PDB file of N, CA and C in Angstrom:
ATOM      1  N   MET A   1       0.834  -1.183   0.027  1.00  0.00           N
ATOM      2  CA  MET A   1      -0.023   0.014   0.037  1.00  0.00           C
ATOM      3  C   MET A   1       0.847   1.287   0.011  1.00  0.00           C
ATOM      4  N   GLU A   2       2.087   1.170   0.538  1.00  0.00           N
ATOM      5  CA  GLU A   2       2.882   2.317   0.474  1.00  0.00           C
ATOM      6  C   GLU A   2       3.400   2.554  -0.957  1.00  0.00           C
ATOM      7  N   ARG A   3       3.569   1.524  -1.689  1.00  0.00           N
ATOM      8  CA  ARG A   3       4.009   1.656  -3.045  1.00  0.00           C
ATOM      9  C   ARG A   3       2.920   2.215  -4.006  1.00  0.00           C
ATOM     10  N   TYR A   4       1.720   1.801  -3.747  1.00  0.00           N
ATOM     11  CA  TYR A   4       0.601   2.283  -4.558  1.00  0.00           C
ATOM     12  C   TYR A   4      -0.501   2.854  -3.633  1.00  0.00           C
ATOM     13  N   PRO A   5      -0.400   4.008  -3.144  1.00  0.00           N
ATOM     14  CA  PRO A   5      -1.382   4.581  -2.221  1.00  0.00           C
ATOM     15  C   PRO A   5      -2.690   4.843  -2.877  1.00  0.00           C
ATOM     16  N   ILE A   6      -2.787   4.854  -4.147  1.00  0.00           N
ATOM     17  CA  ILE A   6      -4.098   5.014  -4.882  1.00  0.00           C
ATOM     18  C   ILE A   6      -5.080   3.892  -4.490  1.00  0.00           C
ATOM     19  N   ILE A   7      -4.498   2.700  -4.092  1.00  0.00           N
ATOM     20  CA  ILE A   7      -5.344   1.573  -3.703  1.00  0.00           C
ATOM     21  C   ILE A   7      -6.218   1.925  -2.436  1.00  0.00           C
ATOM     22  N   ILE A   8      -5.543   2.696  -1.530  1.00  0.00           N
ATOM     23  CA  ILE A   8      -6.354   3.144  -0.337  1.00  0.00           C
ATOM     24  C   ILE A   8      -7.475   4.063  -0.764  1.00  0.00           C
ATOM     25  N   THR A   9      -7.079   5.075  -1.551  1.00  0.00           N
ATOM     26  CA  THR A   9      -8.098   5.998  -2.003  1.00  0.00           C
ATOM     27  C   THR A   9      -9.281   5.359  -2.770  1.00  0.00           C
ATOM     28  N   LEU A  10      -8.937   4.411  -3.714  1.00  0.00           N
ATOM     29  CA  LEU A  10      -9.998   3.726  -4.389  1.00  0.00           C
ATOM     30  C   LEU A  10     -10.825   2.886  -3.493  1.00  0.00           C
ATOM     31  N   GLY A  11     -10.253   2.210  -2.462  1.00  0.00           N
ATOM     32  CA  GLY A  11     -11.001   1.425  -1.591  1.00  0.00           C
ATOM     33  C   GLY A  11     -11.869   2.239  -0.790  1.00  0.00           C
ATOM     34  N   ALA A  12     -11.479   3.483  -0.323  1.00  0.00           N
ATOM     35  CA  ALA A  12     -12.338   4.407   0.430  1.00  0.00           C
ATOM     36  C   ALA A  12     -13.479   4.948  -0.415  1.00  0.00           C
ATOM     37  N   ALA A  13     -13.225   5.146  -1.678  1.00  0.00           N
ATOM     38  CA  ALA A  13     -14.242   5.591  -2.564  1.00  0.00           C
ATOM     39  C   ALA A  13     -15.333   4.519  -2.778  1.00  0.00           C
ATOM     40  N   ILE A  14     -14.908   3.217  -2.885  1.00  0.00           N
ATOM     41  CA  ILE A  14     -15.833   2.177  -3.062  1.00  0.00           C
ATOM     42  C   ILE A  14     -16.777   2.074  -1.789  1.00  0.00           C
ATOM     43  N   LEU A  15     -16.135   2.189  -0.542  1.00  0.00           N
ATOM     44  CA  LEU A  15     -16.912   2.121   0.624  1.00  0.00           C
ATOM     45  C   LEU A  15     -17.847   3.224   0.762  1.00  0.00           C
ATOM     46  N   GLY A  16     -17.435   4.498   0.381  1.00  0.00           N
ATOM     47  CA  GLY A  16     -18.327   5.527   0.377  1.00  0.00           C
ATOM     48  C   GLY A  16     -19.534   5.446  -0.589  1.00  0.00           C
ATOM     49  N   TRP A  17     -19.176   4.998  -1.789  1.00  0.00           N
ATOM     50  CA  TRP A  17     -20.150   4.717  -2.877  1.00  0.00           C
ATOM     51  C   TRP A  17     -21.222   3.771  -2.279  1.00  0.00           C
ATOM     52  N   THR A  18     -20.740   2.622  -1.707  1.00  0.00           N
ATOM     53  CA  THR A  18     -21.709   1.623  -1.138  1.00  0.00           C
ATOM     54  C   THR A  18     -22.577   2.220  -0.017  1.00  0.00           C
ATOM     55  N   ALA A  19     -21.913   3.016   0.865  1.00  0.00           N
ATOM     56  CA  ALA A  19     -22.684   3.649   2.012  1.00  0.00           C
ATOM     57  C   ALA A  19     -23.739   4.612   1.455  1.00  0.00           C
ATOM     58  N   GLY A  20     -23.409   5.443   0.464  1.00  0.00           N
ATOM     59  CA  GLY A  20     -24.387   6.303  -0.089  1.00  0.00           C
ATOM     60  C   GLY A  20     -25.482   5.611  -0.756  1.00  0.00           C
ATOM     61  N   GLU A  21     -25.242   4.544  -1.453  1.00  0.00           N
ATOM     62  CA  GLU A  21     -26.237   3.726  -2.118  1.00  0.00           C
ATOM     63  C   GLU A  21     -27.118   3.026  -1.126  1.00  0.00           C
ATOM     64  N   MET A  22     -26.528   2.564  -0.058  1.00  0.00           N
ATOM     65  CA  MET A  22     -27.356   1.867   0.963  1.00  0.00           C
ATOM     66  C   MET A  22     -28.202   2.853   1.656  1.00  0.00           C
ATOM     67  N   ALA A  23     -27.752   4.042   1.895  1.00  0.00           N
ATOM     68  CA  ALA A  23     -28.481   5.138   2.619  1.00  0.00           C
ATOM     69  C   ALA A  23     -29.876   5.409   1.927  1.00  0.00           C
ATOM     70  N   VAL A  24     -29.890   5.409   0.601  1.00  0.00           N
ATOM     71  CA  VAL A  24     -31.146   5.820  -0.075  1.00  0.00           C
ATOM     72  C   VAL A  24     -32.037   4.562  -0.458  1.00  0.00           C
ATOM     73  N   THR A  25     -31.425   3.376  -0.337  1.00  0.00           N
ATOM     74  CA  THR A  25     -32.246   2.167  -0.680  1.00  0.00           C
ATOM     75  C   THR A  25     -32.580   1.413   0.585  1.00  0.00           C
ATOM     76  N   ASP A  26     -32.211   1.884   1.726  1.00  0.00           N
ATOM     77  CA  ASP A  26     -32.633   1.140   3.005  1.00  0.00           C
ATOM     78  C   ASP A  26     -34.124   1.092   3.018  1.00  0.00           C
ATOM     79  N   PRO A  27     -34.664  -0.116   3.304  1.00  0.00           N
ATOM     80  CA  PRO A  27     -36.137  -0.300   3.428  1.00  0.00           C
ATOM     81  C   PRO A  27     -36.757   0.622   4.426  1.00  0.00           C
ATOM     82  N   ALA A  28     -36.055   0.956   5.487  1.00  0.00           N
ATOM     83  CA  ALA A  28     -36.664   1.781   6.599  1.00  0.00           C
ATOM     84  C   ALA A  28     -36.901   3.183   6.133  1.00  0.00           C
ATOM     85  N   ILE A  29     -36.168   3.731   5.164  1.00  0.00           N
ATOM     86  CA  ILE A  29     -36.331   5.104   4.668  1.00  0.00           C
ATOM     87  C   ILE A  29     -36.651   5.176   3.183  1.00  0.00           C
ATOM     88  N   ALA A  30     -36.747   4.100   2.516  1.00  0.00           N
ATOM     89  CA  ALA A  30     -36.889   4.104   1.121  1.00  0.00           C
ATOM     90  C   ALA A  30     -38.148   4.865   0.663  1.00  0.00           C
ATOM     91  N   GLY A  31     -39.213   4.677   1.411  1.00  0.00           N
ATOM     92  CA  GLY A  31     -40.492   5.398   1.069  1.00  0.00           C
ATOM     93  C   GLY A  31     -40.316   6.899   1.204  1.00  0.00           C
ATOM     94  N   TRP A  32     -39.626   7.313   2.298  1.00  0.00           N
ATOM     95  CA  TRP A  32     -39.362   8.732   2.469  1.00  0.00           C
ATOM     96  C   TRP A  32     -38.511   9.329   1.359  1.00  0.00           C
ATOM     97  N   VAL A  33     -37.459   8.641   1.051  1.00  0.00           N
ATOM     98  CA  VAL A  33     -36.608   9.090  -0.018  1.00  0.00           C
ATOM     99  C   VAL A  33     -37.378   9.225  -1.368  1.00  0.00           C
ATOM    100  N   GLU A  34     -38.161   8.215  -1.649  1.00  0.00           N
ATOM    101  CA  GLU A  34     -38.966   8.210  -2.841  1.00  0.00           C
ATOM    102  C   GLU A  34     -39.960   9.362  -2.875  1.00  0.00           C
ATOM    103  N   ALA A  35     -40.563   9.704  -1.740  1.00  0.00           N
ATOM    104  CA  ALA A  35     -41.555  10.774  -1.698  1.00  0.00           C
ATOM    105  C   ALA A  35     -40.938  12.165  -1.622  1.00  0.00           C
ATOM    106  N   ASN A  36     -39.753  12.359  -1.076  1.00  0.00           N
ATOM    107  CA  ASN A  36     -39.179  13.585  -0.851  1.00  0.00           C
ATOM    108  C   ASN A  36     -38.038  14.002  -1.744  1.00  0.00           C
ATOM    109  N   ILE A  37     -37.121  13.002  -2.005  1.00  0.00           N
ATOM    110  CA  ILE A  37     -35.919  13.300  -2.754  1.00  0.00           C
ATOM    111  C   ILE A  37     -35.624  12.257  -3.675  1.00  0.00           C
ATOM    112  N   GLU A  38     -36.588  11.847  -4.536  1.00  0.00           N
ATOM    113  CA  GLU A  38     -36.455  10.729  -5.428  1.00  0.00           C
ATOM    114  C   GLU A  38     -35.331  10.936  -6.550  1.00  0.00           C
ATOM    115  N   TRP A  39     -35.008  12.228  -6.779  1.00  0.00           N
ATOM    116  CA  TRP A  39     -33.935  12.523  -7.761  1.00  0.00           C
ATOM    117  C   TRP A  39     -32.598  12.041  -7.245  1.00  0.00           C
ATOM    118  N   MET A  40     -32.433  11.944  -5.882  1.00  0.00           N
ATOM    119  CA  MET A  40     -31.147  11.540  -5.330  1.00  0.00           C
ATOM    120  C   MET A  40     -30.806  10.121  -5.748  1.00  0.00           C
ATOM    121  N   GLU A  41     -31.750   9.248  -5.715  1.00  0.00           N
ATOM    122  CA  GLU A  41     -31.524   7.807  -6.010  1.00  0.00           C
ATOM    123  C   GLU A  41     -31.317   7.612  -7.517  1.00  0.00           C
ATOM    124  N   SER A  42     -32.153   8.298  -8.289  1.00  0.00           N
ATOM    125  CA  SER A  42     -32.125   8.031  -9.739  1.00  0.00           C
ATOM    126  C   SER A  42     -30.814   8.572 -10.440  1.00  0.00           C
ATOM    127  N   LEU A  43     -30.224   9.607  -9.832  1.00  0.00           N
ATOM    128  CA  LEU A  43     -29.056  10.167 -10.543  1.00  0.00           C
ATOM    129  C   LEU A  43     -27.731   9.804  -9.868  1.00  0.00           C
ATOM    130  N   TYR A  44     -27.765   8.781  -8.991  1.00  0.00           N
ATOM    131  CA  TYR A  44     -26.592   8.324  -8.323  1.00  0.00           C
ATOM    132  C   TYR A  44     -25.913   9.418  -7.516  1.00  0.00           C
ATOM    133  N   VAL A  45     -26.736  10.442  -7.130  1.00  0.00           N
ATOM    134  CA  VAL A  45     -26.175  11.527  -6.280  1.00  0.00           C
ATOM    135  C   VAL A  45     -25.680  11.021  -4.957  1.00  0.00           C
ATOM    136  N   ALA A  46     -26.480  10.248  -4.258  1.00  0.00           N
ATOM    137  CA  ALA A  46     -26.021   9.772  -2.892  1.00  0.00           C
ATOM    138  C   ALA A  46     -24.771   8.974  -2.948  1.00  0.00           C
ATOM    139  N   PRO A  47     -24.629   7.991  -3.866  1.00  0.00           N
ATOM    140  CA  PRO A  47     -23.349   7.315  -3.936  1.00  0.00           C
ATOM    141  C   PRO A  47     -22.156   8.156  -4.244  1.00  0.00           C
ATOM    142  N   ILE A  48     -22.376   9.052  -5.179  1.00  0.00           N
ATOM    143  CA  ILE A  48     -21.206   9.917  -5.542  1.00  0.00           C
ATOM    144  C   ILE A  48     -20.833  10.851  -4.388  1.00  0.00           C
ATOM    145  N   VAL A  49     -21.783  11.374  -3.680  1.00  0.00           N
ATOM    146  CA  VAL A  49     -21.562  12.210  -2.471  1.00  0.00           C
ATOM    147  C   VAL A  49     -20.907  11.352  -1.461  1.00  0.00           C
ATOM    148  N   GLY A  50     -21.423  10.149  -1.234  1.00  0.00           N
ATOM    149  CA  GLY A  50     -20.823   9.278  -0.235  1.00  0.00           C
ATOM    150  C   GLY A  50     -19.364   9.007  -0.439  1.00  0.00           C
ATOM    151  N   ALA A  51     -19.045   8.689  -1.743  1.00  0.00           N
ATOM    152  CA  ALA A  51     -17.624   8.386  -2.128  1.00  0.00           C
ATOM    153  C   ALA A  51     -16.765   9.648  -1.950  1.00  0.00           C
ATOM    154  N   ALA A  52     -17.285  10.792  -2.356  1.00  0.00           N
ATOM    155  CA  ALA A  52     -16.499  12.055  -2.286  1.00  0.00           C
ATOM    156  C   ALA A  52     -16.225  12.427  -0.747  1.00  0.00           C
ATOM    157  N   VAL A  53     -17.284  12.260   0.008  1.00  0.00           N
ATOM    158  CA  VAL A  53     -17.139  12.639   1.409  1.00  0.00           C
ATOM    159  C   VAL A  53     -16.061  11.706   2.117  1.00  0.00           C
ATOM    160  N   VAL A  54     -16.144  10.438   1.901  1.00  0.00           N
ATOM    161  CA  VAL A  54     -15.109   9.526   2.526  1.00  0.00           C
ATOM    162  C   VAL A  54     -13.786   9.830   2.060  1.00  0.00           C
ATOM    163  N   VAL A  55     -13.547  10.104   0.798  1.00  0.00           N
ATOM    164  CA  VAL A  55     -12.164  10.355   0.326  1.00  0.00           C
ATOM    165  C   VAL A  55     -11.763  11.737   0.832  1.00  0.00           C
ATOM    166  N   VAL A  56     -12.534  12.706   0.747  1.00  0.00           N
ATOM    167  CA  VAL A  56     -12.165  14.108   1.239  1.00  0.00           C
ATOM    168  C   VAL A  56     -11.820  14.027   2.740  1.00  0.00           C
ATOM    169  N   VAL A  57     -12.707  13.460   3.534  1.00  0.00           N
ATOM    170  CA  VAL A  57     -12.411  13.416   4.957  1.00  0.00           C
ATOM    171  C   VAL A  57     -11.187  12.530   5.238  1.00  0.00           C
ATOM    172  N   GLY A  58     -10.983  11.444   4.517  1.00  0.00           N
ATOM    173  CA  GLY A  58      -9.783  10.611   4.744  1.00  0.00           C
ATOM    174  C   GLY A  58      -8.558  11.415   4.389  1.00  0.00           C
ATOM    175  N   LYS A  59      -8.500  12.162   3.284  1.00  0.00           N
ATOM    176  CA  LYS A  59      -7.373  13.013   2.949  1.00  0.00           C
ATOM    177  C   LYS A  59      -7.163  14.090   3.970  1.00  0.00           C
ATOM    178  N   TRP A  60      -8.185  14.679   4.442  1.00  0.00           N
ATOM    179  CA  TRP A  60      -8.049  15.722   5.410  1.00  0.00           C
ATOM    180  C   TRP A  60      -7.443  15.192   6.694  1.00  0.00           C
ATOM    181  N   ILE A  61      -7.850  14.006   7.166  1.00  0.00           N
ATOM    182  CA  ILE A  61      -7.390  13.437   8.405  1.00  0.00           C
ATOM    183  C   ILE A  61      -5.948  12.991   8.156  1.00  0.00           C
ATOM    184  N   ALA A  62      -5.610  12.465   7.077  1.00  0.00           N
ATOM    185  CA  ALA A  62      -4.236  12.106   6.750  1.00  0.00           C
ATOM    186  C   ALA A  62      -3.255  13.369   6.687  1.00  0.00           C
ATOM    187  N   GLY A  63      -3.876  14.444   6.144  1.00  0.00           N
ATOM    188  CA  GLY A  63      -2.976  15.632   6.170  1.00  0.00           C
ATOM    189  C   GLY A  63      -2.756  16.293   7.505  1.00  0.00           C
ATOM    190  N   ARG A  64      -3.622  16.018   8.424  1.00  0.00           N
ATOM    191  CA  ARG A  64      -3.447  16.541   9.804  1.00  0.00           C
ATOM    192  C   ARG A  64      -2.475  15.729  10.635  1.00  0.00           C
ATOM    193  N   LYS A  65      -2.258  14.509  10.206  1.00  0.00           N
ATOM    194  CA  LYS A  65      -1.387  13.629  11.018  1.00  0.00           C
ATOM    195  C   LYS A  65       0.061  14.224  11.056  1.00  0.00           C
ATOM    196  N   GLN A  66       0.598  14.283  12.286  1.00  0.00           N
ATOM    197  CA  GLN A  66       1.913  14.874  12.447  1.00  0.00           C
ATOM    198  C   GLN A  66       2.956  13.819  12.214  1.00  0.00           C
ATOM    199  N   PRO A  67       4.034  14.120  11.647  1.00  0.00           N
ATOM    200  CA  PRO A  67       5.123  13.112  11.361  1.00  0.00           C
ATOM    201  C   PRO A  67       5.740  12.653  12.690  1.00  0.00           C
ATOM    202  N   THR A  68       6.064  11.337  12.751  1.00  0.00           N
ATOM    203  CA  THR A  68       6.734  10.725  13.878  1.00  0.00           C
ATOM    204  C   THR A  68       8.173  11.094  13.734  1.00  0.00           C
ATOM    205  N   PRO A  69       8.868  11.101  14.871  1.00  0.00           N
ATOM    206  CA  PRO A  69      10.276  11.392  14.797  1.00  0.00           C
ATOM    207  C   PRO A  69      11.131  10.572  13.808  1.00  0.00           C
ATOM    208  N   GLU A  70      10.804   9.283  13.631  1.00  0.00           N
ATOM    209  CA  GLU A  70      11.583   8.505  12.720  1.00  0.00           C
ATOM    210  C   GLU A  70      11.371   8.788  11.163  1.00  0.00           C
ATOM    211  N   ASN A  71      10.194   9.465  10.955  1.00  0.00           N
ATOM    212  CA  ASN A  71       9.904   9.941   9.601  1.00  0.00           C
ATOM    213  C   ASN A  71      10.368  11.286   9.227  1.00  0.00           C
ATOM    214  N   GLU A  72      10.826  12.023  10.269  1.00  0.00           N
ATOM    215  CA  GLU A  72      11.333  13.316   9.958  1.00  0.00           C
ATOM    216  C   GLU A  72      12.736  13.317   9.307  1.00  0.00           C
ATOM    217  N   GLN A  73      12.920  14.250   8.434  1.00  0.00           N
ATOM    218  CA  GLN A  73      14.173  14.327   7.731  1.00  0.00           C
ATOM    219  C   GLN A  73      15.110  15.303   8.508  1.00  0.00           C
ATOM    220  N   ALA A  74      16.393  15.056   8.590  1.00  0.00           N
ATOM    221  CA  ALA A  74      17.315  15.913   9.319  1.00  0.00           C
ATOM    222  C   ALA A  74      17.793  17.057   8.450  1.00  0.00           C
TER     223      ALA A  74
END
């Protein structure tokens, strides 16, 4: 994963896509989504937003991580 860090980003995007898709197709709220925001399910908006949120938050958290003393360059 250190050699190909894109694998981590793609995996996060897939997880976010799945979460967004599950959020709008969950039987507990599917009726509400269909009645109030049906455009979200039909245009893949929720999966795209889910993937983007997971990737952006992951990059933000990774950017905040402080380097450990062994990773610092002299």
